[in-house]
């Protein structure tokens, strides 16, 4: 099966492709010639994921999925949440600046409990007419959550985003220390993607 992942983020593409395996060919936005800056103006992870997936479906008419991920910190009333990627401001995804701001806001607060949450929005193109001239779309949402805590300083060199300051429950290392093999088994994205994979393999035909 071939499907488009609405991203050009190489880290995310590598994670998704590794988790989905060889049965599903995952194309990036650049693979379909999409170089636009897809808007993310939703107030929730669900809204953003659906917005991105619908943009690709409506403009490129292909089955696709999009994700949005947020880091939710209890002591900050769930922030940065939907604004995680641009928490420090600006138009880019500045991971160092984002981590610096978050650690500064927590300061010496002993409540470090947090979670990563990923939402994947899947849009499947389903032919209605045998010749393919008419089709409808199916929409599905999948959620993955991993509980953990925010460390007091960065640790580890692998991963991306907030990985150097997030320690998942049950482990004594951050995502950036655990490495991709372990992270791809237990992460929020891995859990959401596993649900996506099970759905795709069980409910669609290879195309």
C-alpha atoms as a PDB file:
ATOM      1  CA  UNK A   1       0.000   0.000   0.000  1.00  0.00           C
ATOM      2  CA  UNK A   2       1.129   3.569  -0.736  1.00  0.00           C
ATOM      3  CA  UNK A   3       0.076   6.556   1.361  1.00  0.00           C
ATOM      4  CA  UNK A   4       1.205  10.162   1.862  1.00  0.00           C
ATOM      5  CA  UNK A   5       2.404  11.453   5.226  1.00  0.00           C
ATOM      6  CA  UNK A   6       1.794  15.208   5.364  1.00  0.00           C
ATOM      7  CA  UNK A   7       5.297  16.192   6.420  1.00  0.00           C
ATOM      8  CA  UNK A   8       8.799  16.836   5.122  1.00  0.00           C
ATOM      9  CA  UNK A   9      10.327  16.393   8.585  1.00  0.00           C
ATOM     10  CA  UNK A  10      12.965  13.703   8.026  1.00  0.00           C
ATOM     11  CA  UNK A  11      13.020  12.688  11.699  1.00  0.00           C
ATOM     12  CA  UNK A  12       9.285  12.039  11.707  1.00  0.00           C
ATOM     13  CA  UNK A  13       9.414  10.278   8.329  1.00  0.00           C
ATOM     14  CA  UNK A  14      12.135   7.925   9.538  1.00  0.00           C
ATOM     15  CA  UNK A  15      10.174   7.120  12.708  1.00  0.00           C
ATOM     16  CA  UNK A  16       6.935   6.477  10.838  1.00  0.00           C
ATOM     17  CA  UNK A  17       8.551   4.381   8.100  1.00  0.00           C
ATOM     18  CA  UNK A  18      10.372   2.263  10.668  1.00  0.00           C
ATOM     19  CA  UNK A  19       7.191   1.661  12.664  1.00  0.00           C
ATOM     20  CA  UNK A  20       4.937   0.912   9.672  1.00  0.00           C
ATOM     21  CA  UNK A  21       7.399  -1.458   8.041  1.00  0.00           C
ATOM     22  CA  UNK A  22       7.742  -2.647   4.470  1.00  0.00           C
ATOM     23  CA  UNK A  23       4.063  -3.392   3.812  1.00  0.00           C
ATOM     24  CA  UNK A  24       3.180   0.303   3.648  1.00  0.00           C
ATOM     25  CA  UNK A  25       5.110   2.731   1.430  1.00  0.00           C
ATOM     26  CA  UNK A  26       5.088   6.167   3.031  1.00  0.00           C
ATOM     27  CA  UNK A  27       5.549   9.173   0.734  1.00  0.00           C
ATOM     28  CA  UNK A  28       6.513  12.636   1.957  1.00  0.00           C
ATOM     29  CA  UNK A  29       5.063  15.932   0.787  1.00  0.00           C
ATOM     30  CA  UNK A  30       8.079  16.499  -1.436  1.00  0.00           C
ATOM     31  CA  UNK A  31       7.456  13.128  -3.081  1.00  0.00           C
ATOM     32  CA  UNK A  32       4.101  14.424  -4.372  1.00  0.00           C
ATOM     33  CA  UNK A  33       5.439  17.874  -5.263  1.00  0.00           C
ATOM     34  CA  UNK A  34       3.885  19.687  -2.316  1.00  0.00           C
ATOM     35  CA  UNK A  35       6.106  22.490  -1.056  1.00  0.00           C
ATOM     36  CA  UNK A  36       3.441  24.751   0.420  1.00  0.00           C
ATOM     37  CA  UNK A  37       3.433  25.806   4.050  1.00  0.00           C
ATOM     38  CA  UNK A  38       0.284  23.977   5.168  1.00  0.00           C
ATOM     39  CA  UNK A  39      -1.619  26.052   7.740  1.00  0.00           C
ATOM     40  CA  UNK A  40      -1.987  24.831  11.322  1.00  0.00           C
ATOM     41  CA  UNK A  41      -4.486  27.202  12.884  1.00  0.00           C
ATOM     42  CA  UNK A  42      -6.482  24.776  15.034  1.00  0.00           C
ATOM     43  CA  UNK A  43      -6.888  25.139  18.771  1.00  0.00           C
ATOM     44  CA  UNK A  44      -6.396  21.417  19.410  1.00  0.00           C
ATOM     45  CA  UNK A  45      -4.099  18.664  18.156  1.00  0.00           C
ATOM     46  CA  UNK A  46      -7.096  16.993  16.531  1.00  0.00           C
ATOM     47  CA  UNK A  47      -8.014  20.138  14.596  1.00  0.00           C
ATOM     48  CA  UNK A  48      -4.458  20.648  13.346  1.00  0.00           C
ATOM     49  CA  UNK A  49      -4.014  17.049  12.226  1.00  0.00           C
ATOM     50  CA  UNK A  50      -7.327  17.088  10.359  1.00  0.00           C
ATOM     51  CA  UNK A  51      -6.568  20.474   8.809  1.00  0.00           C
ATOM     52  CA  UNK A  52      -3.284  19.234   7.343  1.00  0.00           C
ATOM     53  CA  UNK A  53      -4.701  15.938   6.100  1.00  0.00           C
ATOM     54  CA  UNK A  54      -7.735  17.611   4.504  1.00  0.00           C
ATOM     55  CA  UNK A  55      -5.479  20.119   2.732  1.00  0.00           C
ATOM     56  CA  UNK A  56      -3.498  17.313   1.091  1.00  0.00           C
ATOM     57  CA  UNK A  57      -6.584  15.311   0.203  1.00  0.00           C
ATOM     58  CA  UNK A  58      -8.448  18.251  -1.309  1.00  0.00           C
ATOM     59  CA  UNK A  59      -5.469  19.539  -3.308  1.00  0.00           C
ATOM     60  CA  UNK A  60      -3.741  16.307  -4.318  1.00  0.00           C
ATOM     61  CA  UNK A  61      -6.627  13.791  -4.168  1.00  0.00           C
ATOM     62  CA  UNK A  62      -4.642  11.026  -2.487  1.00  0.00           C
ATOM     63  CA  UNK A  63      -5.053   8.928   0.647  1.00  0.00           C
ATOM     64  CA  UNK A  64      -2.978  10.568   3.346  1.00  0.00           C
ATOM     65  CA  UNK A  65      -2.416  11.080   7.028  1.00  0.00           C
ATOM     66  CA  UNK A  66      -1.125  13.926   9.150  1.00  0.00           C
ATOM     67  CA  UNK A  67      -0.105  14.165  12.766  1.00  0.00           C
ATOM     68  CA  UNK A  68       0.186  16.772  15.450  1.00  0.00           C
ATOM     69  CA  UNK A  69       1.989  16.296  18.730  1.00  0.00           C
ATOM     70  CA  UNK A  70       1.951  18.268  21.924  1.00  0.00           C
ATOM     71  CA  UNK A  71       3.890  18.163  25.173  1.00  0.00           C
ATOM     72  CA  UNK A  72       1.488  18.739  28.062  1.00  0.00           C
ATOM     73  CA  UNK A  73       3.051  19.782  31.375  1.00  0.00           C
ATOM     74  CA  UNK A  74       0.819  19.590  34.457  1.00  0.00           C
ATOM     75  CA  UNK A  75       2.490  22.447  36.351  1.00  0.00           C
ATOM     76  CA  UNK A  76       1.975  24.716  33.324  1.00  0.00           C
ATOM     77  CA  UNK A  77      -1.737  23.887  32.985  1.00  0.00           C
ATOM     78  CA  UNK A  78      -1.084  21.702  29.947  1.00  0.00           C
ATOM     79  CA  UNK A  79       1.263  24.062  28.130  1.00  0.00           C
ATOM     80  CA  UNK A  80       2.906  24.107  25.661  1.00  0.00           C
ATOM     81  CA  UNK A  81       0.334  21.676  24.203  1.00  0.00           C
ATOM     82  CA  UNK A  82      -0.775  22.527  20.697  1.00  0.00           C
ATOM     83  CA  UNK A  83       1.886  25.273  20.554  1.00  0.00           C
ATOM     84  CA  UNK A  84       4.787  22.930  21.388  1.00  0.00           C
ATOM     85  CA  UNK A  85       6.640  23.287  18.083  1.00  0.00           C
ATOM     86  CA  UNK A  86       6.681  27.096  18.245  1.00  0.00           C
ATOM     87  CA  UNK A  87       6.588  27.583  21.995  1.00  0.00           C
ATOM     88  CA  UNK A  88       9.469  30.063  22.062  1.00  0.00           C
ATOM     89  CA  UNK A  89       7.904  32.135  19.286  1.00  0.00           C
ATOM     90  CA  UNK A  90       8.955  32.804  15.733  1.00  0.00           C
ATOM     91  CA  UNK A  91       8.058  30.886  12.616  1.00  0.00           C
ATOM     92  CA  UNK A  92      10.617  28.087  12.909  1.00  0.00           C
ATOM     93  CA  UNK A  93      10.815  24.987  15.091  1.00  0.00           C
ATOM     94  CA  UNK A  94      13.663  26.027  17.405  1.00  0.00           C
ATOM     95  CA  UNK A  95      14.037  23.061  19.761  1.00  0.00           C
ATOM     96  CA  UNK A  96      16.779  24.644  21.860  1.00  0.00           C
ATOM     97  CA  UNK A  97      14.778  27.807  22.420  1.00  0.00           C
ATOM     98  CA  UNK A  98      11.646  25.802  23.206  1.00  0.00           C
ATOM     99  CA  UNK A  99      13.447  23.707  25.827  1.00  0.00           C
ATOM    100  CA  UNK A 100      15.094  26.765  27.360  1.00  0.00           C
ATOM    101  CA  UNK A 101      11.736  28.501  27.753  1.00  0.00           C
ATOM    102  CA  UNK A 102      10.065  25.415  29.226  1.00  0.00           C
ATOM    103  CA  UNK A 103      12.842  24.727  31.736  1.00  0.00           C
ATOM    104  CA  UNK A 104      12.853  28.386  32.706  1.00  0.00           C
ATOM    105  CA  UNK A 105       9.102  28.382  33.356  1.00  0.00           C
ATOM    106  CA  UNK A 106       9.310  25.257  35.495  1.00  0.00           C
ATOM    107  CA  UNK A 107      12.409  26.551  37.335  1.00  0.00           C
ATOM    108  CA  UNK A 108      12.570  24.704  40.697  1.00  0.00           C
ATOM    109  CA  UNK A 109       8.978  23.448  40.586  1.00  0.00           C
ATOM    110  CA  UNK A 110       9.009  19.866  41.855  1.00  0.00           C
ATOM    111  CA  UNK A 111       5.907  18.897  39.900  1.00  0.00           C
ATOM    112  CA  UNK A 112       7.575  17.744  36.683  1.00  0.00           C
ATOM    113  CA  UNK A 113       4.787  15.419  35.495  1.00  0.00           C
ATOM    114  CA  UNK A 114       4.103  15.657  31.766  1.00  0.00           C
ATOM    115  CA  UNK A 115       2.972  13.663  28.771  1.00  0.00           C
ATOM    116  CA  UNK A 116       3.464  13.592  25.044  1.00  0.00           C
ATOM    117  CA  UNK A 117       0.287  13.186  23.047  1.00  0.00           C
ATOM    118  CA  UNK A 118       0.086  12.497  19.313  1.00  0.00           C
ATOM    119  CA  UNK A 119      -3.010  12.615  17.135  1.00  0.00           C
ATOM    120  CA  UNK A 120      -2.954  11.086  13.654  1.00  0.00           C
ATOM    121  CA  UNK A 121      -5.697  12.016  11.182  1.00  0.00           C
ATOM    122  CA  UNK A 122      -6.139   9.521   8.350  1.00  0.00           C
ATOM    123  CA  UNK A 123      -8.068  10.281   5.176  1.00  0.00           C
ATOM    124  CA  UNK A 124      -8.705   7.305   2.903  1.00  0.00           C
ATOM    125  CA  UNK A 125      -9.821   7.778  -0.676  1.00  0.00           C
ATOM    126  CA  UNK A 126     -12.452   5.178  -1.503  1.00  0.00           C
ATOM    127  CA  UNK A 127     -13.643   4.707  -5.073  1.00  0.00           C
ATOM    128  CA  UNK A 128     -17.411   4.546  -5.467  1.00  0.00           C
ATOM    129  CA  UNK A 129     -17.541   3.944  -9.207  1.00  0.00           C
ATOM    130  CA  UNK A 130     -15.598   0.917 -10.577  1.00  0.00           C
ATOM    131  CA  UNK A 131     -13.752   3.146 -13.034  1.00  0.00           C
ATOM    132  CA  UNK A 132     -12.628   5.464 -10.221  1.00  0.00           C
ATOM    133  CA  UNK A 133     -14.401   8.552 -11.543  1.00  0.00           C
ATOM    134  CA  UNK A 134     -16.238   9.065  -8.253  1.00  0.00           C
ATOM    135  CA  UNK A 135     -14.805   8.702  -4.781  1.00  0.00           C
ATOM    136  CA  UNK A 136     -15.540   9.541  -1.178  1.00  0.00           C
ATOM    137  CA  UNK A 137     -13.214   9.981   1.758  1.00  0.00           C
ATOM    138  CA  UNK A 138     -13.190   8.282   5.117  1.00  0.00           C
ATOM    139  CA  UNK A 139     -11.749  10.123   8.127  1.00  0.00           C
ATOM    140  CA  UNK A 140     -10.266   8.414  11.174  1.00  0.00           C
ATOM    141  CA  UNK A 141      -8.368   9.631  14.249  1.00  0.00           C
ATOM    142  CA  UNK A 142      -5.776   7.720  16.270  1.00  0.00           C
ATOM    143  CA  UNK A 143      -4.255   8.807  19.584  1.00  0.00           C
ATOM    144  CA  UNK A 144      -1.016   7.876  21.311  1.00  0.00           C
ATOM    145  CA  UNK A 145       0.045   9.016  24.779  1.00  0.00           C
ATOM    146  CA  UNK A 146       3.199   8.445  26.821  1.00  0.00           C
ATOM    147  CA  UNK A 147       3.400   9.650  30.417  1.00  0.00           C
ATOM    148  CA  UNK A 148       6.619  10.898  31.954  1.00  0.00           C
ATOM    149  CA  UNK A 149       8.342  13.863  33.519  1.00  0.00           C
ATOM    150  CA  UNK A 150      10.439  16.880  32.590  1.00  0.00           C
ATOM    151  CA  UNK A 151      14.052  16.634  33.697  1.00  0.00           C
ATOM    152  CA  UNK A 152      15.932  19.580  35.167  1.00  0.00           C
ATOM    153  CA  UNK A 153      18.529  19.645  32.403  1.00  0.00           C
ATOM    154  CA  UNK A 154      19.136  18.320  28.910  1.00  0.00           C
ATOM    155  CA  UNK A 155      20.531  14.826  28.568  1.00  0.00           C
ATOM    156  CA  UNK A 156      21.229  12.751  25.465  1.00  0.00           C
ATOM    157  CA  UNK A 157      22.036  13.459  21.840  1.00  0.00           C
ATOM    158  CA  UNK A 158      19.508  11.394  19.869  1.00  0.00           C
ATOM    159  CA  UNK A 159      15.935  12.221  18.963  1.00  0.00           C
ATOM    160  CA  UNK A 160      14.599  15.716  18.351  1.00  0.00           C
ATOM    161  CA  UNK A 161      12.286  18.334  19.812  1.00  0.00           C
ATOM    162  CA  UNK A 162      11.882  18.014  23.575  1.00  0.00           C
ATOM    163  CA  UNK A 163      13.450  14.525  23.713  1.00  0.00           C
ATOM    164  CA  UNK A 164      16.514  15.616  25.784  1.00  0.00           C
ATOM    165  CA  UNK A 165      14.300  16.805  28.678  1.00  0.00           C
ATOM    166  CA  UNK A 166      11.531  14.186  28.668  1.00  0.00           C
ATOM    167  CA  UNK A 167      11.945  11.005  30.714  1.00  0.00           C
ATOM    168  CA  UNK A 168       9.174   8.437  30.094  1.00  0.00           C
ATOM    169  CA  UNK A 169       7.663   6.580  33.053  1.00  0.00           C
ATOM    170  CA  UNK A 170       9.443   3.325  33.806  1.00  0.00           C
ATOM    171  CA  UNK A 171      12.807   4.502  32.482  1.00  0.00           C
ATOM    172  CA  UNK A 172      15.749   6.314  34.025  1.00  0.00           C
ATOM    173  CA  UNK A 173      16.816   7.938  30.758  1.00  0.00           C
ATOM    174  CA  UNK A 174      15.370  10.617  28.507  1.00  0.00           C
ATOM    175  CA  UNK A 175      14.068   9.862  25.021  1.00  0.00           C
ATOM    176  CA  UNK A 176      17.297  11.366  23.690  1.00  0.00           C
ATOM    177  CA  UNK A 177      19.342   8.876  25.755  1.00  0.00           C
ATOM    178  CA  UNK A 178      17.204   5.799  25.093  1.00  0.00           C
ATOM    179  CA  UNK A 179      17.823   5.903  21.347  1.00  0.00           C
ATOM    180  CA  UNK A 180      15.484   5.440  18.430  1.00  0.00           C
ATOM    181  CA  UNK A 181      15.040   1.678  18.738  1.00  0.00           C
ATOM    182  CA  UNK A 182      13.490   1.916  22.201  1.00  0.00           C
ATOM    183  CA  UNK A 183      11.735   5.209  21.524  1.00  0.00           C
ATOM    184  CA  UNK A 184      10.062   3.765  18.415  1.00  0.00           C
ATOM    185  CA  UNK A 185       8.549   1.049  20.588  1.00  0.00           C
ATOM    186  CA  UNK A 186       7.183   3.159  23.448  1.00  0.00           C
ATOM    187  CA  UNK A 187       6.688   6.728  22.227  1.00  0.00           C
ATOM    188  CA  UNK A 188       3.446   8.611  21.757  1.00  0.00           C
ATOM    189  CA  UNK A 189       3.962   8.610  17.988  1.00  0.00           C
ATOM    190  CA  UNK A 190       4.738   4.896  18.028  1.00  0.00           C
ATOM    191  CA  UNK A 191       1.505   4.136  19.878  1.00  0.00           C
ATOM    192  CA  UNK A 192      -0.619   6.260  17.559  1.00  0.00           C
ATOM    193  CA  UNK A 193       1.163   4.850  14.503  1.00  0.00           C
ATOM    194  CA  UNK A 194       0.635   1.283  15.662  1.00  0.00           C
ATOM    195  CA  UNK A 195      -3.097   1.939  15.751  1.00  0.00           C
ATOM    196  CA  UNK A 196      -2.850   3.483  12.282  1.00  0.00           C
ATOM    197  CA  UNK A 197      -0.908   0.478  10.968  1.00  0.00           C
ATOM    198  CA  UNK A 198      -3.380  -2.024  12.367  1.00  0.00           C
ATOM    199  CA  UNK A 199      -6.233  -0.128  10.756  1.00  0.00           C
ATOM    200  CA  UNK A 200      -4.532   0.141   7.380  1.00  0.00           C
ATOM    201  CA  UNK A 201      -3.509  -3.508   7.269  1.00  0.00           C
ATOM    202  CA  UNK A 202      -6.902  -4.761   8.416  1.00  0.00           C
ATOM    203  CA  UNK A 203      -9.292  -2.437   6.602  1.00  0.00           C
ATOM    204  CA  UNK A 204      -7.761  -1.438   3.290  1.00  0.00           C
ATOM    205  CA  UNK A 205      -6.497  -3.245   0.243  1.00  0.00           C
ATOM    206  CA  UNK A 206      -3.026  -2.665  -1.125  1.00  0.00           C
ATOM    207  CA  UNK A 207      -2.957  -0.150  -3.929  1.00  0.00           C
END
